[in-house]
Amino acid sequence: MNAELRSLFLACEAEGSRFANPEPYTHRNEALFESNFTLFDWPQPAVARLRDFCWASLYRMIGELNQYDLETLRRLHIAHESWFHITRRGGYFGVHNHPLHSWSGVYCVCQEGDDPASDSGKLTFINPYAMNTMFIDMAMHRMKPPFSMGNLSIRLVPGQLVLFPSWLLHEVTPFEPRQDGLRITVAFNARFRMEGVAAQRSPFSSP
């Protein structure tokens, strides 16, 4: 599947603006290509396989975290946006999060020619407790996760899917392979409506 996705995405990148995100927002450079946000609606079999894998993983996680049974999960209807990135040498993606969604995910298609000893192309989550480094002594210096200080950096491997809450700030560090190589990932955002549960209204909204 990853080989098929790699070929498909490179072919789309070669067509330039036809498949590119028309309104890029997050800071990046020209070494990174971002597609439009309709990927999981595409008809290609490899895209459909990836979409089904992502949704199955996401629903399973939601069920575990919320203690929902299968019947409850069937009432939980998803809306989404999905896209891919192709990153070449020097490409990066700035700090951002994903407003108006509850869960996000990143799937690794390939990360070629990378140096395992470097910070090249790492998906890095920013510690939301920014003030926890105001004072550090040896009584808290080596606390284990999730209480530890600093950010969480992940070197993705092909086939890996990372799920995280959409509010969490994150970035991708500059991709610096030892030789010519590509970093290709698929990302998505999701929000949900529970069938039979009315959406909450703001107390400040008009009747």
N, C-alpha and C. Protein backbone atom coordinates (compact mmCIF):
# COMPACT_ATOMS: atom_id res chain seq x y z
N MET A 1 0.82 -1.20 0.00
CA MET A 1 0.00 0.00 0.00
C MET A 1 0.87 1.26 0.00
N ASN A 2 1.92 1.27 0.82
CA ASN A 2 2.77 2.46 0.89
C ASN A 2 3.43 2.76 -0.45
N ALA A 3 3.86 1.72 -1.17
CA ALA A 3 4.48 1.94 -2.49
C ALA A 3 3.47 2.56 -3.46
N GLU A 4 2.23 2.09 -3.42
CA GLU A 4 1.19 2.66 -4.29
C GLU A 4 0.91 4.11 -3.91
N LEU A 5 0.84 4.39 -2.63
CA LEU A 5 0.59 5.76 -2.18
C LEU A 5 1.74 6.68 -2.58
N ARG A 6 2.96 6.20 -2.43
CA ARG A 6 4.13 7.01 -2.80
C ARG A 6 4.07 7.40 -4.27
N SER A 7 3.79 6.45 -5.15
CA SER A 7 3.71 6.73 -6.58
C SER A 7 2.58 7.69 -6.89
N LEU A 8 1.44 7.47 -6.28
CA LEU A 8 0.28 8.33 -6.52
C LEU A 8 0.57 9.77 -6.09
N PHE A 9 1.13 9.94 -4.91
CA PHE A 9 1.35 11.29 -4.39
C PHE A 9 2.40 12.04 -5.20
N LEU A 10 3.44 11.35 -5.63
CA LEU A 10 4.45 12.00 -6.46
C LEU A 10 3.87 12.44 -7.80
N ALA A 11 2.98 11.61 -8.37
CA ALA A 11 2.33 11.98 -9.62
C ALA A 11 1.44 13.21 -9.43
N CYS A 12 0.76 13.27 -8.29
CA CYS A 12 -0.09 14.43 -8.01
C CYS A 12 0.75 15.69 -7.79
N GLU A 13 1.86 15.55 -7.08
CA GLU A 13 2.74 16.70 -6.87
C GLU A 13 3.24 17.25 -8.20
N ALA A 14 3.52 16.36 -9.16
CA ALA A 14 4.05 16.79 -10.44
C ALA A 14 3.06 17.64 -11.23
N GLU A 15 1.78 17.56 -10.88
CA GLU A 15 0.75 18.36 -11.57
C GLU A 15 0.56 19.73 -10.93
N GLY A 16 1.38 20.03 -9.93
CA GLY A 16 1.39 21.37 -9.37
C GLY A 16 0.12 21.75 -8.66
N SER A 17 -0.47 22.87 -9.05
CA SER A 17 -1.59 23.46 -8.32
C SER A 17 -2.87 22.64 -8.40
N ARG A 18 -2.95 21.71 -9.32
CA ARG A 18 -4.19 20.92 -9.44
C ARG A 18 -4.53 20.20 -8.14
N PHE A 19 -3.54 19.67 -7.46
CA PHE A 19 -3.79 18.91 -6.23
C PHE A 19 -3.27 19.62 -4.99
N ALA A 20 -2.69 20.80 -5.12
CA ALA A 20 -2.09 21.49 -3.98
C ALA A 20 -3.15 22.19 -3.13
N ASN A 21 -2.83 22.36 -1.87
CA ASN A 21 -3.68 23.15 -0.98
C ASN A 21 -3.74 24.58 -1.51
N PRO A 22 -4.93 25.08 -1.87
CA PRO A 22 -5.00 26.42 -2.46
C PRO A 22 -4.84 27.55 -1.45
N GLU A 23 -4.97 27.24 -0.16
CA GLU A 23 -4.89 28.29 0.86
C GLU A 23 -3.99 27.84 2.01
N PRO A 24 -2.70 27.69 1.76
CA PRO A 24 -1.79 27.28 2.85
C PRO A 24 -1.77 28.31 3.96
N TYR A 25 -1.69 27.81 5.19
CA TYR A 25 -1.75 28.70 6.35
C TYR A 25 -0.53 28.54 7.25
N THR A 26 -0.26 27.30 7.67
CA THR A 26 0.85 27.06 8.57
C THR A 26 2.18 27.34 7.87
N HIS A 27 3.12 27.92 8.60
CA HIS A 27 4.42 28.27 8.02
C HIS A 27 5.16 27.03 7.55
N ARG A 28 5.61 27.07 6.30
CA ARG A 28 6.41 26.01 5.70
C ARG A 28 7.28 26.63 4.63
N ASN A 29 8.13 25.83 3.95
CA ASN A 29 8.93 26.37 2.86
C ASN A 29 8.66 25.59 1.58
N GLU A 30 9.38 25.94 0.52
CA GLU A 30 9.09 25.35 -0.79
C GLU A 30 9.52 23.90 -0.90
N ALA A 31 10.27 23.40 0.08
CA ALA A 31 10.69 21.99 0.05
C ALA A 31 9.60 21.06 0.54
N LEU A 32 8.45 21.62 0.92
CA LEU A 32 7.32 20.81 1.38
C LEU A 32 6.11 21.06 0.50
N PHE A 33 5.53 19.99 -0.04
CA PHE A 33 4.30 20.07 -0.83
C PHE A 33 3.14 19.59 0.02
N GLU A 34 2.07 20.37 0.05
CA GLU A 34 0.86 20.01 0.79
C GLU A 34 -0.31 19.91 -0.18
N SER A 35 -1.01 18.78 -0.14
CA SER A 35 -2.14 18.59 -1.04
C SER A 35 -3.37 19.32 -0.52
N ASN A 36 -4.43 19.31 -1.33
CA ASN A 36 -5.71 19.80 -0.84
C ASN A 36 -6.24 18.83 0.22
N PHE A 37 -7.36 19.18 0.84
CA PHE A 37 -7.80 18.47 2.05
C PHE A 37 -8.93 17.48 1.77
N THR A 38 -8.92 16.85 0.59
CA THR A 38 -9.99 15.92 0.22
C THR A 38 -9.49 14.49 0.03
N LEU A 39 -8.30 14.19 0.50
CA LEU A 39 -7.64 12.93 0.14
C LEU A 39 -8.51 11.70 0.37
N PHE A 40 -9.14 11.57 1.52
CA PHE A 40 -9.87 10.34 1.83
C PHE A 40 -11.16 10.19 1.02
N ASP A 41 -11.48 11.18 0.18
CA ASP A 41 -12.60 11.06 -0.75
C ASP A 41 -12.15 10.57 -2.12
N TRP A 42 -10.86 10.41 -2.32
CA TRP A 42 -10.35 9.96 -3.61
C TRP A 42 -10.69 8.49 -3.84
N PRO A 43 -10.80 8.05 -5.12
CA PRO A 43 -11.29 6.70 -5.42
C PRO A 43 -10.21 5.61 -5.46
N GLN A 44 -8.95 5.96 -5.39
CA GLN A 44 -7.89 4.96 -5.56
C GLN A 44 -7.95 3.91 -4.43
N PRO A 45 -7.77 2.62 -4.76
CA PRO A 45 -7.85 1.56 -3.75
C PRO A 45 -6.88 1.74 -2.59
N ALA A 46 -5.66 2.20 -2.85
CA ALA A 46 -4.69 2.38 -1.77
C ALA A 46 -5.15 3.46 -0.80
N VAL A 47 -5.76 4.52 -1.31
CA VAL A 47 -6.28 5.58 -0.45
C VAL A 47 -7.43 5.04 0.40
N ALA A 48 -8.31 4.24 -0.22
CA ALA A 48 -9.43 3.66 0.52
C ALA A 48 -8.94 2.73 1.63
N ARG A 49 -7.91 1.94 1.34
CA ARG A 49 -7.36 1.05 2.37
C ARG A 49 -6.79 1.84 3.53
N LEU A 50 -6.07 2.89 3.23
CA LEU A 50 -5.50 3.71 4.29
C LEU A 50 -6.60 4.38 5.10
N ARG A 51 -7.59 4.93 4.43
CA ARG A 51 -8.71 5.58 5.13
C ARG A 51 -9.38 4.59 6.09
N ASP A 52 -9.67 3.38 5.61
CA ASP A 52 -10.34 2.40 6.46
C ASP A 52 -9.48 2.03 7.67
N PHE A 53 -8.16 1.91 7.45
CA PHE A 53 -7.26 1.62 8.57
C PHE A 53 -7.27 2.76 9.59
N CYS A 54 -7.20 4.00 9.10
CA CYS A 54 -7.20 5.15 10.01
C CYS A 54 -8.49 5.25 10.80
N TRP A 55 -9.62 5.08 10.12
CA TRP A 55 -10.90 5.19 10.82
C TRP A 55 -11.08 4.05 11.83
N ALA A 56 -10.68 2.84 11.46
CA ALA A 56 -10.79 1.72 12.39
C ALA A 56 -9.95 1.97 13.64
N SER A 57 -8.73 2.48 13.44
CA SER A 57 -7.84 2.77 14.58
C SER A 57 -8.41 3.88 15.44
N LEU A 58 -8.93 4.92 14.80
CA LEU A 58 -9.46 6.06 15.53
C LEU A 58 -10.70 5.68 16.34
N TYR A 59 -11.63 4.96 15.72
CA TYR A 59 -12.84 4.55 16.43
C TYR A 59 -12.51 3.60 17.59
N ARG A 60 -11.53 2.70 17.38
CA ARG A 60 -11.14 1.81 18.46
C ARG A 60 -10.58 2.60 19.64
N MET A 61 -9.75 3.60 19.37
CA MET A 61 -9.20 4.42 20.44
C MET A 61 -10.30 5.20 21.16
N ILE A 62 -11.22 5.79 20.39
CA ILE A 62 -12.32 6.55 20.99
C ILE A 62 -13.16 5.64 21.89
N GLY A 63 -13.42 4.42 21.43
CA GLY A 63 -14.19 3.48 22.23
C GLY A 63 -13.50 3.16 23.54
N GLU A 64 -12.18 2.95 23.49
CA GLU A 64 -11.43 2.62 24.70
C GLU A 64 -11.39 3.80 25.67
N LEU A 65 -11.14 5.00 25.15
CA LEU A 65 -10.99 6.16 26.02
C LEU A 65 -12.31 6.61 26.63
N ASN A 66 -13.41 6.43 25.88
CA ASN A 66 -14.72 6.88 26.36
C ASN A 66 -15.58 5.75 26.91
N GLN A 67 -15.06 4.53 26.85
CA GLN A 67 -15.80 3.35 27.30
C GLN A 67 -17.13 3.20 26.56
N TYR A 68 -17.06 3.42 25.23
CA TYR A 68 -18.23 3.24 24.38
C TYR A 68 -18.26 1.81 23.86
N ASP A 69 -19.45 1.22 23.86
CA ASP A 69 -19.57 -0.10 23.25
C ASP A 69 -19.78 0.06 21.74
N LEU A 70 -19.87 -1.06 21.02
CA LEU A 70 -19.96 -1.02 19.57
C LEU A 70 -21.21 -0.30 19.09
N GLU A 71 -22.33 -0.51 19.77
CA GLU A 71 -23.57 0.15 19.36
C GLU A 71 -23.47 1.67 19.50
N THR A 72 -22.80 2.12 20.54
CA THR A 72 -22.62 3.56 20.72
C THR A 72 -21.71 4.12 19.64
N LEU A 73 -20.63 3.41 19.33
CA LEU A 73 -19.72 3.87 18.29
C LEU A 73 -20.41 3.97 16.93
N ARG A 74 -21.36 3.09 16.66
CA ARG A 74 -22.09 3.13 15.40
C ARG A 74 -22.94 4.39 15.27
N ARG A 75 -23.26 5.02 16.38
CA ARG A 75 -24.05 6.26 16.35
C ARG A 75 -23.16 7.49 16.24
N LEU A 76 -21.85 7.28 16.27
CA LEU A 76 -20.90 8.39 16.24
C LEU A 76 -20.45 8.62 14.80
N HIS A 77 -20.93 9.70 14.19
CA HIS A 77 -20.71 9.96 12.77
C HIS A 77 -19.57 10.97 12.59
N ILE A 78 -18.69 10.66 11.66
CA ILE A 78 -17.45 11.42 11.49
C ILE A 78 -17.56 12.43 10.35
N ALA A 79 -16.96 13.58 10.54
CA ALA A 79 -16.68 14.54 9.46
C ALA A 79 -15.18 14.77 9.50
N HIS A 80 -14.56 14.98 8.35
CA HIS A 80 -13.11 15.00 8.34
C HIS A 80 -12.55 15.88 7.24
N GLU A 81 -11.26 16.14 7.35
CA GLU A 81 -10.44 16.66 6.26
C GLU A 81 -9.14 15.86 6.28
N SER A 82 -8.57 15.63 5.11
CA SER A 82 -7.41 14.73 5.01
C SER A 82 -6.54 15.17 3.83
N TRP A 83 -5.23 14.97 3.97
CA TRP A 83 -4.29 15.48 2.97
C TRP A 83 -2.97 14.74 3.10
N PHE A 84 -2.02 15.04 2.17
CA PHE A 84 -0.69 14.44 2.29
C PHE A 84 0.38 15.52 2.16
N HIS A 85 1.55 15.22 2.73
CA HIS A 85 2.74 16.06 2.61
C HIS A 85 3.85 15.28 1.94
N ILE A 86 4.56 15.92 1.04
CA ILE A 86 5.82 15.40 0.50
C ILE A 86 6.90 16.39 0.89
N THR A 87 7.89 15.91 1.65
CA THR A 87 8.94 16.79 2.15
C THR A 87 10.28 16.35 1.59
N ARG A 88 11.00 17.30 1.01
CA ARG A 88 12.35 17.07 0.52
C ARG A 88 13.36 17.76 1.44
N ARG A 89 14.64 17.63 1.12
CA ARG A 89 15.70 18.16 1.98
C ARG A 89 15.42 19.61 2.39
N GLY A 90 15.49 19.85 3.68
CA GLY A 90 15.30 21.20 4.21
C GLY A 90 13.85 21.56 4.50
N GLY A 91 12.91 20.71 4.09
CA GLY A 91 11.50 21.02 4.32
C GLY A 91 11.12 20.90 5.79
N TYR A 92 10.20 21.73 6.21
CA TYR A 92 9.72 21.71 7.59
C TYR A 92 8.28 22.20 7.62
N PHE A 93 7.63 22.04 8.77
CA PHE A 93 6.26 22.50 8.94
C PHE A 93 6.16 23.11 10.33
N GLY A 94 5.75 24.38 10.40
CA GLY A 94 5.80 25.14 11.65
C GLY A 94 4.80 24.71 12.69
N VAL A 95 4.93 25.31 13.86
CA VAL A 95 4.07 24.98 15.01
C VAL A 95 2.62 25.34 14.69
N HIS A 96 1.71 24.42 14.98
CA HIS A 96 0.29 24.64 14.69
C HIS A 96 -0.54 23.62 15.46
N ASN A 97 -1.83 23.83 15.47
CA ASN A 97 -2.77 22.80 15.89
C ASN A 97 -3.93 22.79 14.90
N HIS A 98 -5.03 22.09 15.22
CA HIS A 98 -6.10 21.92 14.24
C HIS A 98 -7.45 22.31 14.85
N PRO A 99 -7.80 23.59 14.77
CA PRO A 99 -9.04 24.06 15.37
C PRO A 99 -10.28 23.38 14.77
N LEU A 100 -11.34 23.36 15.57
CA LEU A 100 -12.66 22.87 15.16
C LEU A 100 -12.68 21.38 14.88
N HIS A 101 -11.75 20.65 15.46
CA HIS A 101 -11.75 19.18 15.38
C HIS A 101 -11.37 18.63 16.75
N SER A 102 -11.71 17.37 16.98
CA SER A 102 -11.40 16.75 18.27
C SER A 102 -10.17 15.85 18.21
N TRP A 103 -10.00 15.10 17.11
CA TRP A 103 -8.87 14.18 16.99
C TRP A 103 -8.17 14.37 15.64
N SER A 104 -6.86 14.21 15.66
CA SER A 104 -6.05 14.29 14.45
C SER A 104 -5.13 13.07 14.38
N GLY A 105 -4.59 12.82 13.18
CA GLY A 105 -3.69 11.70 13.01
C GLY A 105 -2.66 11.97 11.92
N VAL A 106 -1.53 11.31 12.04
CA VAL A 106 -0.47 11.36 11.03
C VAL A 106 -0.04 9.93 10.74
N TYR A 107 -0.03 9.58 9.45
CA TYR A 107 0.41 8.25 9.01
C TYR A 107 1.66 8.41 8.16
N CYS A 108 2.65 7.57 8.39
CA CYS A 108 3.92 7.65 7.67
C CYS A 108 3.92 6.70 6.48
N VAL A 109 4.06 7.26 5.28
CA VAL A 109 4.20 6.47 4.06
C VAL A 109 5.66 6.09 3.86
N CYS A 110 6.57 7.06 4.00
CA CYS A 110 7.99 6.78 3.90
C CYS A 110 8.78 7.91 4.54
N GLN A 111 9.99 7.57 5.00
CA GLN A 111 10.94 8.56 5.50
C GLN A 111 12.32 8.03 5.11
N GLU A 112 12.76 8.42 3.93
CA GLU A 112 13.91 7.79 3.29
C GLU A 112 15.21 8.55 3.54
N GLY A 113 16.30 7.80 3.75
CA GLY A 113 17.63 8.40 3.84
C GLY A 113 17.87 9.20 5.09
N ASP A 114 17.05 9.00 6.12
CA ASP A 114 17.15 9.81 7.33
C ASP A 114 18.28 9.31 8.22
N ASP A 115 18.83 10.21 9.00
CA ASP A 115 19.89 9.88 9.96
C ASP A 115 19.24 9.62 11.32
N PRO A 116 19.25 8.38 11.80
CA PRO A 116 18.59 8.07 13.08
C PRO A 116 19.16 8.84 14.27
N ALA A 117 20.38 9.34 14.14
CA ALA A 117 21.01 10.06 15.25
C ALA A 117 20.66 11.54 15.28
N SER A 118 19.91 12.02 14.29
CA SER A 118 19.60 13.45 14.20
C SER A 118 18.14 13.71 14.56
N ASP A 119 17.79 14.98 14.58
CA ASP A 119 16.39 15.38 14.81
C ASP A 119 15.65 15.61 13.50
N SER A 120 16.22 15.13 12.41
CA SER A 120 15.66 15.36 11.08
C SER A 120 14.24 14.82 10.94
N GLY A 121 13.35 15.70 10.50
CA GLY A 121 12.00 15.29 10.15
C GLY A 121 11.19 14.68 11.27
N LYS A 122 11.42 15.10 12.50
CA LYS A 122 10.68 14.54 13.62
C LYS A 122 9.34 15.25 13.82
N LEU A 123 8.30 14.47 14.06
CA LEU A 123 7.01 15.01 14.48
C LEU A 123 7.14 15.32 15.96
N THR A 124 7.03 16.61 16.31
CA THR A 124 7.31 17.04 17.67
C THR A 124 6.07 17.68 18.28
N PHE A 125 5.64 17.14 19.41
CA PHE A 125 4.49 17.67 20.14
C PHE A 125 5.00 18.60 21.25
N ILE A 126 4.40 19.80 21.30
CA ILE A 126 4.82 20.82 22.25
C ILE A 126 4.14 20.57 23.59
N ASN A 127 4.94 20.52 24.63
CA ASN A 127 4.38 20.30 25.97
C ASN A 127 3.37 21.41 26.29
N PRO A 128 2.11 21.06 26.58
CA PRO A 128 1.11 22.10 26.83
C PRO A 128 1.32 22.83 28.15
N TYR A 129 2.13 22.26 29.04
CA TYR A 129 2.38 22.90 30.32
C TYR A 129 3.67 23.72 30.22
N ALA A 130 3.61 24.78 29.45
CA ALA A 130 4.82 25.54 29.12
C ALA A 130 5.50 26.11 30.37
N MET A 131 4.72 26.44 31.39
CA MET A 131 5.29 27.07 32.58
C MET A 131 5.92 26.07 33.54
N ASN A 132 5.87 24.76 33.20
CA ASN A 132 6.41 23.79 34.15
C ASN A 132 7.93 23.81 34.21
N THR A 133 8.57 24.57 33.32
CA THR A 133 10.02 24.69 33.37
C THR A 133 10.47 25.97 34.10
N MET A 134 9.53 26.65 34.75
CA MET A 134 9.88 27.88 35.46
C MET A 134 10.93 27.61 36.54
N PHE A 135 10.82 26.45 37.19
CA PHE A 135 11.82 26.05 38.18
C PHE A 135 11.98 24.54 38.12
N ILE A 136 13.21 24.09 37.92
CA ILE A 136 13.50 22.66 37.86
C ILE A 136 14.70 22.37 38.75
N ASP A 137 14.54 21.42 39.67
CA ASP A 137 15.69 20.91 40.42
C ASP A 137 15.72 19.40 40.27
N MET A 138 16.63 18.75 40.92
CA MET A 138 16.80 17.32 40.72
C MET A 138 15.66 16.49 41.29
N ALA A 139 14.75 17.15 42.03
CA ALA A 139 13.58 16.43 42.53
C ALA A 139 12.52 16.25 41.46
N MET A 140 12.67 16.97 40.34
CA MET A 140 11.68 16.86 39.26
C MET A 140 12.33 16.76 37.89
N HIS A 141 13.64 16.77 37.84
CA HIS A 141 14.36 16.80 36.57
C HIS A 141 14.12 15.56 35.72
N ARG A 142 13.97 14.40 36.32
CA ARG A 142 13.88 13.15 35.56
C ARG A 142 12.54 12.44 35.75
N MET A 143 11.49 13.19 35.93
CA MET A 143 10.18 12.57 36.10
C MET A 143 9.79 11.83 34.82
N LYS A 144 9.10 10.73 34.97
CA LYS A 144 8.70 9.91 33.85
C LYS A 144 7.45 10.49 33.18
N PRO A 145 7.21 10.17 31.91
CA PRO A 145 5.98 10.61 31.24
C PRO A 145 4.77 10.05 31.97
N PRO A 146 3.65 10.77 32.00
CA PRO A 146 3.40 12.04 31.28
C PRO A 146 3.74 13.28 32.09
N PHE A 147 4.52 13.12 33.16
CA PHE A 147 4.83 14.25 34.03
C PHE A 147 6.15 14.92 33.70
N SER A 148 6.89 14.38 32.76
CA SER A 148 8.21 14.89 32.44
C SER A 148 8.15 16.25 31.74
N MET A 149 9.29 16.93 31.74
CA MET A 149 9.38 18.25 31.12
C MET A 149 9.68 18.10 29.63
N GLY A 150 9.55 19.22 28.93
CA GLY A 150 9.96 19.24 27.53
C GLY A 150 8.93 18.67 26.58
N ASN A 151 9.32 18.60 25.31
CA ASN A 151 8.43 18.17 24.24
C ASN A 151 8.62 16.69 23.95
N LEU A 152 7.73 16.15 23.14
CA LEU A 152 7.80 14.76 22.72
C LEU A 152 8.07 14.72 21.22
N SER A 153 9.21 14.17 20.82
CA SER A 153 9.58 14.08 19.42
C SER A 153 9.53 12.62 18.96
N ILE A 154 8.95 12.40 17.79
CA ILE A 154 8.77 11.05 17.27
C ILE A 154 9.37 10.97 15.87
N ARG A 155 10.26 10.01 15.67
CA ARG A 155 10.75 9.72 14.32
C ARG A 155 9.83 8.65 13.74
N LEU A 156 9.00 9.04 12.81
CA LEU A 156 8.02 8.12 12.24
C LEU A 156 8.70 7.04 11.40
N VAL A 157 8.08 5.89 11.36
CA VAL A 157 8.54 4.81 10.50
C VAL A 157 7.38 4.42 9.59
N PRO A 158 7.65 3.92 8.38
CA PRO A 158 6.58 3.57 7.44
C PRO A 158 5.57 2.62 8.07
N GLY A 159 4.29 2.96 7.89
CA GLY A 159 3.22 2.15 8.44
C GLY A 159 2.75 2.58 9.81
N GLN A 160 3.44 3.55 10.41
CA GLN A 160 3.08 4.01 11.75
C GLN A 160 1.99 5.07 11.67
N LEU A 161 1.01 4.96 12.56
CA LEU A 161 -0.07 5.93 12.69
C LEU A 161 -0.03 6.52 14.09
N VAL A 162 0.03 7.84 14.18
CA VAL A 162 0.02 8.54 15.46
C VAL A 162 -1.29 9.32 15.57
N LEU A 163 -2.04 9.08 16.64
CA LEU A 163 -3.29 9.78 16.90
C LEU A 163 -3.09 10.72 18.09
N PHE A 164 -3.69 11.91 18.02
CA PHE A 164 -3.50 12.88 19.10
C PHE A 164 -4.66 13.87 19.10
N PRO A 165 -4.94 14.50 20.27
CA PRO A 165 -6.01 15.50 20.33
C PRO A 165 -5.66 16.71 19.46
N SER A 166 -6.64 17.22 18.76
CA SER A 166 -6.38 18.26 17.76
C SER A 166 -5.89 19.58 18.35
N TRP A 167 -6.15 19.80 19.64
CA TRP A 167 -5.72 21.06 20.26
C TRP A 167 -4.22 21.10 20.52
N LEU A 168 -3.55 19.96 20.47
CA LEU A 168 -2.16 19.87 20.88
C LEU A 168 -1.24 20.50 19.82
N LEU A 169 -0.46 21.49 20.22
CA LEU A 169 0.48 22.13 19.30
C LEU A 169 1.57 21.14 18.89
N HIS A 170 1.96 21.20 17.61
CA HIS A 170 2.99 20.30 17.10
C HIS A 170 3.66 20.92 15.89
N GLU A 171 4.79 20.34 15.49
CA GLU A 171 5.54 20.81 14.33
C GLU A 171 6.32 19.65 13.74
N VAL A 172 6.89 19.86 12.55
CA VAL A 172 7.81 18.89 11.96
C VAL A 172 9.14 19.61 11.77
N THR A 173 10.19 19.06 12.37
CA THR A 173 11.51 19.67 12.28
C THR A 173 12.07 19.53 10.87
N PRO A 174 13.05 20.35 10.47
CA PRO A 174 13.59 20.27 9.11
C PRO A 174 14.10 18.87 8.77
N PHE A 175 13.73 18.44 7.58
CA PHE A 175 14.09 17.11 7.09
C PHE A 175 15.46 17.20 6.42
N GLU A 176 16.43 16.50 6.97
CA GLU A 176 17.81 16.57 6.47
C GLU A 176 18.36 15.15 6.28
N PRO A 177 17.96 14.47 5.22
CA PRO A 177 18.46 13.10 4.99
C PRO A 177 19.94 13.10 4.65
N ARG A 178 20.60 11.98 4.91
CA ARG A 178 22.01 11.85 4.61
C ARG A 178 22.26 11.82 3.10
N GLN A 179 21.25 11.41 2.36
CA GLN A 179 21.32 11.37 0.91
C GLN A 179 19.95 11.80 0.38
N ASP A 180 19.80 11.82 -0.93
CA ASP A 180 18.50 12.22 -1.47
C ASP A 180 17.42 11.28 -0.95
N GLY A 181 16.37 11.83 -0.42
CA GLY A 181 15.30 11.02 0.13
C GLY A 181 14.04 11.84 0.29
N LEU A 182 12.95 11.17 0.59
CA LEU A 182 11.65 11.81 0.73
C LEU A 182 11.03 11.44 2.09
N ARG A 183 10.27 12.37 2.60
CA ARG A 183 9.42 12.11 3.76
C ARG A 183 7.98 12.34 3.30
N ILE A 184 7.18 11.29 3.29
CA ILE A 184 5.79 11.40 2.83
C ILE A 184 4.87 10.95 3.95
N THR A 185 3.95 11.81 4.31
CA THR A 185 2.99 11.50 5.36
C THR A 185 1.58 11.86 4.92
N VAL A 186 0.63 11.22 5.54
CA VAL A 186 -0.79 11.53 5.37
C VAL A 186 -1.31 12.02 6.72
N ALA A 187 -2.12 13.06 6.69
CA ALA A 187 -2.67 13.60 7.94
C ALA A 187 -4.18 13.78 7.80
N PHE A 188 -4.86 13.77 8.92
CA PHE A 188 -6.32 14.00 8.91
C PHE A 188 -6.75 14.65 10.21
N ASN A 189 -7.87 15.35 10.13
CA ASN A 189 -8.58 15.88 11.30
C ASN A 189 -9.99 15.33 11.29
N ALA A 190 -10.54 15.10 12.47
CA ALA A 190 -11.88 14.53 12.56
C ALA A 190 -12.68 15.20 13.66
N ARG A 191 -13.96 15.37 13.39
CA ARG A 191 -14.90 15.81 14.41
C ARG A 191 -16.13 14.91 14.30
N PHE A 192 -16.97 14.88 15.33
CA PHE A 192 -18.01 13.85 15.39
C PHE A 192 -19.35 14.42 15.85
N ARG A 193 -20.41 13.75 15.39
CA ARG A 193 -21.77 14.03 15.86
C ARG A 193 -22.37 12.72 16.33
N MET A 194 -22.90 12.73 17.55
CA MET A 194 -23.52 11.52 18.09
C MET A 194 -25.00 11.51 17.72
N GLU A 195 -25.39 10.49 16.98
CA GLU A 195 -26.79 10.34 16.57
C GLU A 195 -27.68 10.26 17.81
N GLY A 196 -28.73 11.09 17.84
CA GLY A 196 -29.65 11.09 18.96
C GLY A 196 -29.28 12.04 20.08
N VAL A 197 -28.13 12.69 19.96
CA VAL A 197 -27.68 13.66 20.98
C VAL A 197 -27.64 15.03 20.34
N ALA A 198 -28.44 15.95 20.84
CA ALA A 198 -28.51 17.29 20.27
C ALA A 198 -27.22 18.04 20.55
N ALA A 199 -26.80 18.84 19.57
CA ALA A 199 -25.61 19.66 19.76
C ALA A 199 -25.86 20.70 20.84
N GLN A 200 -24.86 20.97 21.68
CA GLN A 200 -25.00 21.97 22.73
C GLN A 200 -24.99 23.37 22.13
N ARG A 201 -25.86 24.22 22.64
CA ARG A 201 -25.92 25.59 22.19
C ARG A 201 -25.19 26.50 23.17
N SER A 202 -24.56 27.52 22.64
CA SER A 202 -23.91 28.49 23.49
C SER A 202 -24.97 29.29 24.24
N PRO A 203 -24.76 29.59 25.53
CA PRO A 203 -25.73 30.41 26.28
C PRO A 203 -25.81 31.83 25.75
N PHE A 204 -24.85 32.22 24.89
CA PHE A 204 -24.84 33.58 24.35
C PHE A 204 -25.45 33.66 22.96
N SER A 205 -25.84 32.50 22.39
CA SER A 205 -26.39 32.50 21.03
C SER A 205 -27.84 32.95 21.05
N SER A 206 -28.32 33.41 19.91
CA SER A 206 -29.70 33.86 19.78
C SER A 206 -30.63 32.65 19.78
N PRO A 207 -31.84 32.79 20.28
CA PRO A 207 -32.79 31.66 20.29
C PRO A 207 -33.24 31.33 18.89
